[in-house]
Amino acid sequence: MSKMKTNRAAAKRFRVTGGGHIRRPKGGAQHNFIGKSRKRRRRLRDNDIVAAGVERRIKILLPYG
């Protein structure tokens, strides 16, 4: 039987933590920073944890997750 393929689009967007959670970058942190407040830009820096309901769907796309 063949191996399960990884969804490449999901692999580029998500990472699995040591505890099995899925990390994702926050949206809106690529351009147009002049229109955003300093507080908002600071919050966009760090990665976020995916919600539990969506996490199950993403783990199907990432067989190693």
C-alpha atoms as a PDB file:
ATOM      1  CA  MET A   1       0.000   0.000   0.000  1.00  0.00           C
ATOM      2  CA  SER A   2       1.264   3.457  -0.875  1.00  0.00           C
ATOM      3  CA  LYS A   3       2.146   6.105   1.677  1.00  0.00           C
ATOM      4  CA  MET A   4      -0.278   8.901   2.540  1.00  0.00           C
ATOM      5  CA  LYS A   5       0.710  12.154   0.845  1.00  0.00           C
ATOM      6  CA  THR A   6       1.140  15.370   2.814  1.00  0.00           C
ATOM      7  CA  ASN A   7      -0.956  18.303   1.648  1.00  0.00           C
ATOM      8  CA  ARG A   8       1.824  20.701   0.638  1.00  0.00           C
ATOM      9  CA  ALA A   9      -0.260  23.855   1.063  1.00  0.00           C
ATOM     10  CA  ALA A  10      -1.021  22.911   4.678  1.00  0.00           C
ATOM     11  CA  ALA A  11       2.598  21.888   5.345  1.00  0.00           C
ATOM     12  CA  LYS A  12       3.776  25.389   4.401  1.00  0.00           C
ATOM     13  CA  ARG A  13       1.258  27.091   6.696  1.00  0.00           C
ATOM     14  CA  PHE A  14       1.168  24.918   9.813  1.00  0.00           C
ATOM     15  CA  ARG A  15       3.665  23.337  12.213  1.00  0.00           C
ATOM     16  CA  VAL A  16       3.051  20.696  14.864  1.00  0.00           C
ATOM     17  CA  THR A  17       4.261  21.485  18.399  1.00  0.00           C
ATOM     18  CA  GLY A  18       5.848  18.946  20.716  1.00  0.00           C
ATOM     19  CA  GLY A  19       2.565  18.569  22.571  1.00  0.00           C
ATOM     20  CA  GLY A  20       0.669  17.809  19.368  1.00  0.00           C
ATOM     21  CA  HIS A  21      -0.990  21.189  18.875  1.00  0.00           C
ATOM     22  CA  ILE A  22      -0.920  23.007  15.548  1.00  0.00           C
ATOM     23  CA  ARG A  23       0.793  26.410  15.271  1.00  0.00           C
ATOM     24  CA  ARG A  24      -0.165  28.953  12.622  1.00  0.00           C
ATOM     25  CA  PRO A  25       0.976  32.467  11.712  1.00  0.00           C
ATOM     26  CA  LYS A  26      -1.515  35.265  12.291  1.00  0.00           C
ATOM     27  CA  GLY A  27      -3.187  36.832   9.270  1.00  0.00           C
ATOM     28  CA  GLY A  28      -2.582  40.419   8.194  1.00  0.00           C
ATOM     29  CA  ALA A  29       1.124  40.581   9.042  1.00  0.00           C
ATOM     30  CA  GLN A  30       2.606  40.837   5.530  1.00  0.00           C
ATOM     31  CA  HIS A  31       2.144  44.430   4.355  1.00  0.00           C
ATOM     32  CA  ASN A  32       0.392  47.803   4.963  1.00  0.00           C
ATOM     33  CA  PHE A  33       1.978  48.234   8.374  1.00  0.00           C
ATOM     34  CA  ILE A  34       1.740  52.026   8.266  1.00  0.00           C
ATOM     35  CA  GLY A  35      -2.032  51.819   8.683  1.00  0.00           C
ATOM     36  CA  LYS A  36      -1.773  49.500  11.684  1.00  0.00           C
ATOM     37  CA  SER A  37      -1.138  50.583  15.241  1.00  0.00           C
ATOM     38  CA  ARG A  38       2.043  49.606  17.053  1.00  0.00           C
ATOM     39  CA  LYS A  39      -0.007  47.498  19.462  1.00  0.00           C
ATOM     40  CA  ARG A  40      -1.626  45.616  16.592  1.00  0.00           C
ATOM     41  CA  ARG A  41       1.699  44.998  14.830  1.00  0.00           C
ATOM     42  CA  ARG A  42       3.173  43.636  18.072  1.00  0.00           C
ATOM     43  CA  ARG A  43       0.284  41.189  18.458  1.00  0.00           C
ATOM     44  CA  LEU A  44       0.724  39.944  14.891  1.00  0.00           C
ATOM     45  CA  ARG A  45       4.359  38.930  15.492  1.00  0.00           C
ATOM     46  CA  ASP A  46       3.943  35.643  17.350  1.00  0.00           C
ATOM     47  CA  ASN A  47       2.403  32.452  16.051  1.00  0.00           C
ATOM     48  CA  ASP A  48      -0.961  31.311  17.361  1.00  0.00           C
ATOM     49  CA  ILE A  49      -2.426  27.915  18.262  1.00  0.00           C
ATOM     50  CA  VAL A  50      -5.190  26.600  16.000  1.00  0.00           C
ATOM     51  CA  ALA A  51      -8.622  26.065  17.594  1.00  0.00           C
ATOM     52  CA  ALA A  52      -9.451  22.500  18.633  1.00  0.00           C
ATOM     53  CA  GLY A  53     -12.278  22.061  16.130  1.00  0.00           C
ATOM     54  CA  VAL A  54     -10.107  23.048  13.167  1.00  0.00           C
ATOM     55  CA  GLU A  55      -7.082  21.196  14.511  1.00  0.00           C
ATOM     56  CA  ARG A  56      -8.610  17.807  13.747  1.00  0.00           C
ATOM     57  CA  ARG A  57      -9.139  18.778  10.088  1.00  0.00           C
ATOM     58  CA  ILE A  58      -5.578  20.050   9.695  1.00  0.00           C
ATOM     59  CA  LYS A  59      -4.075  16.909  11.216  1.00  0.00           C
ATOM     60  CA  ILE A  60      -5.719  14.906   8.420  1.00  0.00           C
ATOM     61  CA  LEU A  61      -3.812  17.024   5.897  1.00  0.00           C
ATOM     62  CA  LEU A  62      -0.544  16.550   7.847  1.00  0.00           C
ATOM     63  CA  PRO A  63      -0.086  12.793   8.309  1.00  0.00           C
ATOM     64  CA  TYR A  64       2.893  13.337  10.627  1.00  0.00           C
ATOM     65  CA  GLY A  65       0.749  15.574  12.925  1.00  0.00           C
END
